[in-house]
PDB file of N, CA and C in Angstrom:
ATOM      1  N   MET A   1      -2.129 -38.838   2.211  1.00  0.00           N
ATOM      2  CA  MET A   1      -1.625 -37.503   2.491  1.00  0.00           C
ATOM      3  C   MET A   1      -0.231 -37.634   3.090  1.00  0.00           C
ATOM      4  N   SER A   2       0.733 -36.942   2.554  1.00  0.00           N
ATOM      5  CA  SER A   2       2.078 -37.003   3.116  1.00  0.00           C
ATOM      6  C   SER A   2       2.358 -35.749   3.936  1.00  0.00           C
ATOM      7  N   ILE A   3       3.141 -35.941   4.970  1.00  0.00           N
ATOM      8  CA  ILE A   3       3.508 -34.841   5.854  1.00  0.00           C
ATOM      9  C   ILE A   3       5.024 -34.719   5.837  1.00  0.00           C
ATOM     10  N   ASP A   4       5.514 -33.490   5.771  1.00  0.00           N
ATOM     11  CA  ASP A   4       6.959 -33.230   5.807  1.00  0.00           C
ATOM     12  C   ASP A   4       7.714 -34.009   4.730  1.00  0.00           C
ATOM     13  N   ASN A   5       7.167 -34.069   3.542  1.00  0.00           N
ATOM     14  CA  ASN A   5       7.824 -34.741   2.418  1.00  0.00           C
ATOM     15  C   ASN A   5       8.134 -36.203   2.708  1.00  0.00           C
ATOM     16  N   GLU A   6       7.223 -36.898   3.370  1.00  0.00           N
ATOM     17  CA  GLU A   6       7.458 -38.305   3.678  1.00  0.00           C
ATOM     18  C   GLU A   6       6.847 -39.236   2.643  1.00  0.00           C
ATOM     19  N   SER A   7       6.607 -38.740   1.466  1.00  0.00           N
ATOM     20  CA  SER A   7       6.055 -39.563   0.407  1.00  0.00           C
ATOM     21  C   SER A   7       7.033 -40.681   0.070  1.00  0.00           C
ATOM     22  N   PRO A   8       6.537 -41.894  -0.149  1.00  0.00           N
ATOM     23  CA  PRO A   8       7.442 -43.001  -0.486  1.00  0.00           C
ATOM     24  C   PRO A   8       8.238 -42.748  -1.756  1.00  0.00           C
ATOM     25  N   SER A   9       7.753 -41.863  -2.605  1.00  0.00           N
ATOM     26  CA  SER A   9       8.451 -41.613  -3.861  1.00  0.00           C
ATOM     27  C   SER A   9       9.642 -40.659  -3.706  1.00  0.00           C
ATOM     28  N   CYS A  10       9.799 -40.041  -2.541  1.00  0.00           N
ATOM     29  CA  CYS A  10      10.920 -39.126  -2.322  1.00  0.00           C
ATOM     30  C   CYS A  10      12.200 -39.931  -2.102  1.00  0.00           C
ATOM     31  N   LYS A  11      13.205 -39.694  -2.924  1.00  0.00           N
ATOM     32  CA  LYS A  11      14.448 -40.441  -2.830  1.00  0.00           C
ATOM     33  C   LYS A  11      15.169 -40.209  -1.507  1.00  0.00           C
ATOM     34  N   HIS A  12      15.085 -39.004  -0.962  1.00  0.00           N
ATOM     35  CA  HIS A  12      15.831 -38.697   0.256  1.00  0.00           C
ATOM     36  C   HIS A  12      15.245 -39.387   1.491  1.00  0.00           C
ATOM     37  N   ASN A  13      14.094 -40.031   1.389  1.00  0.00           N
ATOM     38  CA  ASN A  13      13.484 -40.698   2.527  1.00  0.00           C
ATOM     39  C   ASN A  13      13.885 -42.163   2.668  1.00  0.00           C
ATOM     40  N   ASN A  14      14.638 -42.675   1.747  1.00  0.00           N
ATOM     41  CA  ASN A  14      14.990 -44.089   1.774  1.00  0.00           C
ATOM     42  C   ASN A  14      15.785 -44.484   3.007  1.00  0.00           C
ATOM     43  N   SER A  15      16.591 -43.599   3.542  1.00  0.00           N
ATOM     44  CA  SER A  15      17.445 -43.954   4.673  1.00  0.00           C
ATOM     45  C   SER A  15      16.809 -43.648   6.033  1.00  0.00           C
ATOM     46  N   LYS A  16      15.599 -43.095   6.047  1.00  0.00           N
ATOM     47  CA  LYS A  16      14.956 -42.736   7.306  1.00  0.00           C
ATOM     48  C   LYS A  16      14.372 -43.974   7.981  1.00  0.00           C
ATOM     49  N   PRO A  17      14.526 -44.063   9.305  1.00  0.00           N
ATOM     50  CA  PRO A  17      13.886 -45.177  10.012  1.00  0.00           C
ATOM     51  C   PRO A  17      12.376 -44.961  10.027  1.00  0.00           C
ATOM     52  N   PRO A  18      11.615 -46.019  10.216  1.00  0.00           N
ATOM     53  CA  PRO A  18      10.161 -45.845  10.265  1.00  0.00           C
ATOM     54  C   PRO A  18       9.761 -44.996  11.466  1.00  0.00           C
ATOM     55  N   VAL A  19       8.713 -44.244  11.291  1.00  0.00           N
ATOM     56  CA  VAL A  19       8.225 -43.380  12.365  1.00  0.00           C
ATOM     57  C   VAL A  19       7.475 -44.233  13.374  1.00  0.00           C
ATOM     58  N   THR A  20       7.852 -44.098  14.639  1.00  0.00           N
ATOM     59  CA  THR A  20       7.162 -44.791  15.720  1.00  0.00           C
ATOM     60  C   THR A  20       6.781 -43.761  16.772  1.00  0.00           C
ATOM     61  N   TYR A  21       5.937 -44.159  17.671  1.00  0.00           N
ATOM     62  CA  TYR A  21       5.426 -43.241  18.674  1.00  0.00           C
ATOM     63  C   TYR A  21       5.550 -43.847  20.070  1.00  0.00           C
ATOM     64  N   GLU A  22       5.738 -42.967  21.025  1.00  0.00           N
ATOM     65  CA  GLU A  22       5.774 -43.359  22.425  1.00  0.00           C
ATOM     66  C   GLU A  22       4.527 -42.784  23.089  1.00  0.00           C
ATOM     67  N   ARG A  23       3.746 -43.629  23.716  1.00  0.00           N
ATOM     68  CA  ARG A  23       2.513 -43.170  24.369  1.00  0.00           C
ATOM     69  C   ARG A  23       2.851 -42.686  25.779  1.00  0.00           C
ATOM     70  N   ILE A  24       2.395 -41.479  26.080  1.00  0.00           N
ATOM     71  CA  ILE A  24       2.528 -40.983  27.448  1.00  0.00           C
ATOM     72  C   ILE A  24       1.118 -40.848  28.024  1.00  0.00           C
ATOM     73  N   THR A  25       1.009 -41.103  29.306  1.00  0.00           N
ATOM     74  CA  THR A  25      -0.262 -41.023  30.005  1.00  0.00           C
ATOM     75  C   THR A  25      -0.147 -39.942  31.060  1.00  0.00           C
ATOM     76  N   ILE A  26      -1.131 -39.061  31.103  1.00  0.00           N
ATOM     77  CA  ILE A  26      -1.119 -37.955  32.057  1.00  0.00           C
ATOM     78  C   ILE A  26      -2.428 -37.995  32.824  1.00  0.00           C
ATOM     79  N   ALA A  27      -2.326 -37.917  34.154  1.00  0.00           N
ATOM     80  CA  ALA A  27      -3.526 -37.877  34.985  1.00  0.00           C
ATOM     81  C   ALA A  27      -4.332 -36.642  34.634  1.00  0.00           C
ATOM     82  N   PHE A  28      -5.648 -36.809  34.561  1.00  0.00           N
ATOM     83  CA  PHE A  28      -6.517 -35.720  34.149  1.00  0.00           C
ATOM     84  C   PHE A  28      -7.485 -35.421  35.290  1.00  0.00           C
ATOM     85  N   PRO A  29      -7.270 -34.309  36.011  1.00  0.00           N
ATOM     86  CA  PRO A  29      -8.119 -34.008  37.161  1.00  0.00           C
ATOM     87  C   PRO A  29      -9.525 -33.560  36.735  1.00  0.00           C
ATOM     88  N   THR A  30     -10.490 -33.872  37.567  1.00  0.00           N
ATOM     89  CA  THR A  30     -11.847 -33.399  37.334  1.00  0.00           C
ATOM     90  C   THR A  30     -12.092 -32.211  38.250  1.00  0.00           C
ATOM     91  N   PRO A  31     -12.226 -31.015  37.684  1.00  0.00           N
ATOM     92  CA  PRO A  31     -12.455 -29.834  38.508  1.00  0.00           C
ATOM     93  C   PRO A  31     -13.841 -29.873  39.159  1.00  0.00           C
ATOM     94  N   PRO A  32     -14.020 -29.139  40.253  1.00  0.00           N
ATOM     95  CA  PRO A  32     -15.327 -29.080  40.899  1.00  0.00           C
ATOM     96  C   PRO A  32     -16.397 -28.570  39.924  1.00  0.00           C
ATOM     97  N   GLY A  33     -17.563 -29.166  39.999  1.00  0.00           N
ATOM     98  CA  GLY A  33     -18.680 -28.724  39.162  1.00  0.00           C
ATOM     99  C   GLY A  33     -18.690 -29.292  37.767  1.00  0.00           C
ATOM    100  N   VAL A  34     -17.750 -30.159  37.446  1.00  0.00           N
ATOM    101  CA  VAL A  34     -17.681 -30.770  36.125  1.00  0.00           C
ATOM    102  C   VAL A  34     -18.002 -32.249  36.277  1.00  0.00           C
ATOM    103  N   LYS A  35     -18.784 -32.770  35.329  1.00  0.00           N
ATOM    104  CA  LYS A  35     -19.099 -34.195  35.367  1.00  0.00           C
ATOM    105  C   LYS A  35     -17.807 -34.996  35.365  1.00  0.00           C
ATOM    106  N   PRO A  36     -17.802 -36.172  35.983  1.00  0.00           N
ATOM    107  CA  PRO A  36     -16.571 -36.980  36.011  1.00  0.00           C
ATOM    108  C   PRO A  36     -15.999 -37.200  34.607  1.00  0.00           C
ATOM    109  N   LEU A  37     -14.712 -37.015  34.526  1.00  0.00           N
ATOM    110  CA  LEU A  37     -13.986 -37.201  33.270  1.00  0.00           C
ATOM    111  C   LEU A  37     -13.155 -38.466  33.356  1.00  0.00           C
ATOM    112  N   GLN A  38     -12.562 -38.845  32.253  1.00  0.00           N
ATOM    113  CA  GLN A  38     -11.635 -39.973  32.260  1.00  0.00           C
ATOM    114  C   GLN A  38     -10.498 -39.658  33.235  1.00  0.00           C
ATOM    115  N   PRO A  39      -9.973 -40.648  33.937  1.00  0.00           N
ATOM    116  CA  PRO A  39      -8.915 -40.379  34.919  1.00  0.00           C
ATOM    117  C   PRO A  39      -7.571 -39.989  34.304  1.00  0.00           C
ATOM    118  N   SER A  40      -7.392 -40.280  33.014  1.00  0.00           N
ATOM    119  CA  SER A  40      -6.127 -39.921  32.375  1.00  0.00           C
ATOM    120  C   SER A  40      -6.363 -39.636  30.897  1.00  0.00           C
ATOM    121  N   ILE A  41      -5.364 -38.989  30.313  1.00  0.00           N
ATOM    122  CA  ILE A  41      -5.408 -38.636  28.897  1.00  0.00           C
ATOM    123  C   ILE A  41      -4.126 -39.173  28.259  1.00  0.00           C
ATOM    124  N   PHE A  42      -4.209 -39.589  27.014  1.00  0.00           N
ATOM    125  CA  PHE A  42      -3.079 -40.212  26.340  1.00  0.00           C
ATOM    126  C   PHE A  42      -2.613 -39.356  25.169  1.00  0.00           C
ATOM    127  N   PHE A  43      -1.310 -39.336  24.976  1.00  0.00           N
ATOM    128  CA  PHE A  43      -0.704 -38.638  23.845  1.00  0.00           C
ATOM    129  C   PHE A  43       0.340 -39.556  23.231  1.00  0.00           C
ATOM    130  N   ASP A  44       0.364 -39.624  21.917  1.00  0.00           N
ATOM    131  CA  ASP A  44       1.386 -40.381  21.203  1.00  0.00           C
ATOM    132  C   ASP A  44       2.419 -39.386  20.691  1.00  0.00           C
ATOM    133  N   ILE A  45       3.636 -39.503  21.213  1.00  0.00           N
ATOM    134  CA  ILE A  45       4.722 -38.584  20.879  1.00  0.00           C
ATOM    135  C   ILE A  45       5.661 -39.256  19.871  1.00  0.00           C
ATOM    136  N   ASP A  46       5.923 -38.566  18.804  1.00  0.00           N
ATOM    137  CA  ASP A  46       6.806 -39.055  17.745  1.00  0.00           C
ATOM    138  C   ASP A  46       8.194 -39.328  18.322  1.00  0.00           C
ATOM    139  N   ASN A  47       8.740 -40.498  18.036  1.00  0.00           N
ATOM    140  CA  ASN A  47      10.062 -40.866  18.564  1.00  0.00           C
ATOM    141  C   ASN A  47      11.219 -40.150  17.880  1.00  0.00           C
ATOM    142  N   ARG A  48      10.929 -39.313  16.901  1.00  0.00           N
ATOM    143  CA  ARG A  48      12.001 -38.511  16.313  1.00  0.00           C
ATOM    144  C   ARG A  48      12.368 -37.342  17.219  1.00  0.00           C
ATOM    145  N   PHE A  49      11.522 -37.040  18.212  1.00  0.00           N
ATOM    146  CA  PHE A  49      11.887 -36.034  19.208  1.00  0.00           C
ATOM    147  C   PHE A  49      12.924 -36.649  20.139  1.00  0.00           C
ATOM    148  N   ASN A  50      13.889 -35.838  20.575  1.00  0.00           N
ATOM    149  CA  ASN A  50      14.867 -36.363  21.533  1.00  0.00           C
ATOM    150  C   ASN A  50      14.260 -36.328  22.937  1.00  0.00           C
ATOM    151  N   THR A  51      14.968 -36.873  23.903  1.00  0.00           N
ATOM    152  CA  THR A  51      14.451 -36.981  25.267  1.00  0.00           C
ATOM    153  C   THR A  51      14.095 -35.623  25.849  1.00  0.00           C
ATOM    154  N   GLN A  52      14.940 -34.633  25.671  1.00  0.00           N
ATOM    155  CA  GLN A  52      14.662 -33.298  26.211  1.00  0.00           C
ATOM    156  C   GLN A  52      13.399 -32.693  25.579  1.00  0.00           C
ATOM    157  N   GLN A  53      13.217 -32.895  24.302  1.00  0.00           N
ATOM    158  CA  GLN A  53      12.027 -32.381  23.629  1.00  0.00           C
ATOM    159  C   GLN A  53      10.768 -33.072  24.149  1.00  0.00           C
ATOM    160  N   LYS A  54      10.843 -34.384  24.361  1.00  0.00           N
ATOM    161  CA  LYS A  54       9.699 -35.126  24.903  1.00  0.00           C
ATOM    162  C   LYS A  54       9.346 -34.635  26.303  1.00  0.00           C
ATOM    163  N   ILE A  55      10.348 -34.374  27.108  1.00  0.00           N
ATOM    164  CA  ILE A  55      10.111 -33.846  28.459  1.00  0.00           C
ATOM    165  C   ILE A  55       9.429 -32.491  28.363  1.00  0.00           C
ATOM    166  N   ARG A  56       9.894 -31.653  27.459  1.00  0.00           N
ATOM    167  CA  ARG A  56       9.300 -30.314  27.294  1.00  0.00           C
ATOM    168  C   ARG A  56       7.855 -30.404  26.811  1.00  0.00           C
ATOM    169  N   ILE A  57       7.578 -31.297  25.890  1.00  0.00           N
ATOM    170  CA  ILE A  57       6.203 -31.489  25.408  1.00  0.00           C
ATOM    171  C   ILE A  57       5.307 -31.910  26.569  1.00  0.00           C
ATOM    172  N   ARG A  58       5.774 -32.849  27.369  1.00  0.00           N
ATOM    173  CA  ARG A  58       4.998 -33.315  28.525  1.00  0.00           C
ATOM    174  C   ARG A  58       4.749 -32.158  29.499  1.00  0.00           C
ATOM    175  N   GLU A  59       5.773 -31.352  29.760  1.00  0.00           N
ATOM    176  CA  GLU A  59       5.632 -30.209  30.665  1.00  0.00           C
ATOM    177  C   GLU A  59       4.601 -29.211  30.142  1.00  0.00           C
ATOM    178  N   MET A  60       4.609 -28.960  28.835  1.00  0.00           N
ATOM    179  CA  MET A  60       3.642 -28.024  28.256  1.00  0.00           C
ATOM    180  C   MET A  60       2.216 -28.559  28.381  1.00  0.00           C
ATOM    181  N   ILE A  61       2.042 -29.855  28.142  1.00  0.00           N
ATOM    182  CA  ILE A  61       0.714 -30.450  28.290  1.00  0.00           C
ATOM    183  C   ILE A  61       0.243 -30.327  29.738  1.00  0.00           C
ATOM    184  N   LEU A  62       1.127 -30.628  30.694  1.00  0.00           N
ATOM    185  CA  LEU A  62       0.768 -30.523  32.109  1.00  0.00           C
ATOM    186  C   LEU A  62       0.412 -29.090  32.488  1.00  0.00           C
ATOM    187  N   GLU A  63       1.115 -28.128  31.934  1.00  0.00           N
ATOM    188  CA  GLU A  63       0.837 -26.725  32.226  1.00  0.00           C
ATOM    189  C   GLU A  63      -0.542 -26.311  31.693  1.00  0.00           C
ATOM    190  N   VAL A  64      -0.858 -26.732  30.492  1.00  0.00           N
ATOM    191  CA  VAL A  64      -2.172 -26.410  29.918  1.00  0.00           C
ATOM    192  C   VAL A  64      -3.283 -27.050  30.740  1.00  0.00           C
ATOM    193  N   ILE A  65      -3.108 -28.305  31.139  1.00  0.00           N
ATOM    194  CA  ILE A  65      -4.113 -28.972  31.973  1.00  0.00           C
ATOM    195  C   ILE A  65      -4.265 -28.263  33.307  1.00  0.00           C
ATOM    196  N   SER A  66      -3.173 -27.783  33.871  1.00  0.00           N
ATOM    197  CA  SER A  66      -3.222 -27.054  35.133  1.00  0.00           C
ATOM    198  C   SER A  66      -4.037 -25.769  34.990  1.00  0.00           C
ATOM    199  N   TYR A  67      -3.784 -25.018  33.905  1.00  0.00           N
ATOM    200  CA  TYR A  67      -4.569 -23.783  33.667  1.00  0.00           C
ATOM    201  C   TYR A  67      -6.039 -24.105  33.470  1.00  0.00           C
ATOM    202  N   TRP A  68      -6.326 -25.172  32.729  1.00  0.00           N
ATOM    203  CA  TRP A  68      -7.715 -25.578  32.500  1.00  0.00           C
ATOM    204  C   TRP A  68      -8.371 -25.920  33.834  1.00  0.00           C
ATOM    205  N   ASN A  69      -7.664 -26.646  34.679  1.00  0.00           N
ATOM    206  CA  ASN A  69      -8.196 -27.048  35.981  1.00  0.00           C
ATOM    207  C   ASN A  69      -8.477 -25.828  36.865  1.00  0.00           C
ATOM    208  N   GLN A  70      -7.616 -24.824  36.808  1.00  0.00           N
ATOM    209  CA  GLN A  70      -7.814 -23.610  37.598  1.00  0.00           C
ATOM    210  C   GLN A  70      -8.963 -22.780  37.061  1.00  0.00           C
ATOM    211  N   HIS A  71      -9.185 -22.835  35.767  1.00  0.00           N
ATOM    212  CA  HIS A  71     -10.242 -22.028  35.146  1.00  0.00           C
ATOM    213  C   HIS A  71     -11.598 -22.489  35.654  1.00  0.00           C
TER     214      HIS A  71
END
């Protein structure tokens, strides 16, 4: 299955660097009344995102976890 026209047969993809990922680890709190969870959660972020985009993705994940923890 190809995503975003990344098929090897596409001529315009010849000059693209290989896709790599950066793993980020985020502490995962266990809210009261919930069985113990893993202490952290992992996400693999595509390295085609720039630094500011990666920071924003991390912030959004932290915000969602915060809302989940409050719920």
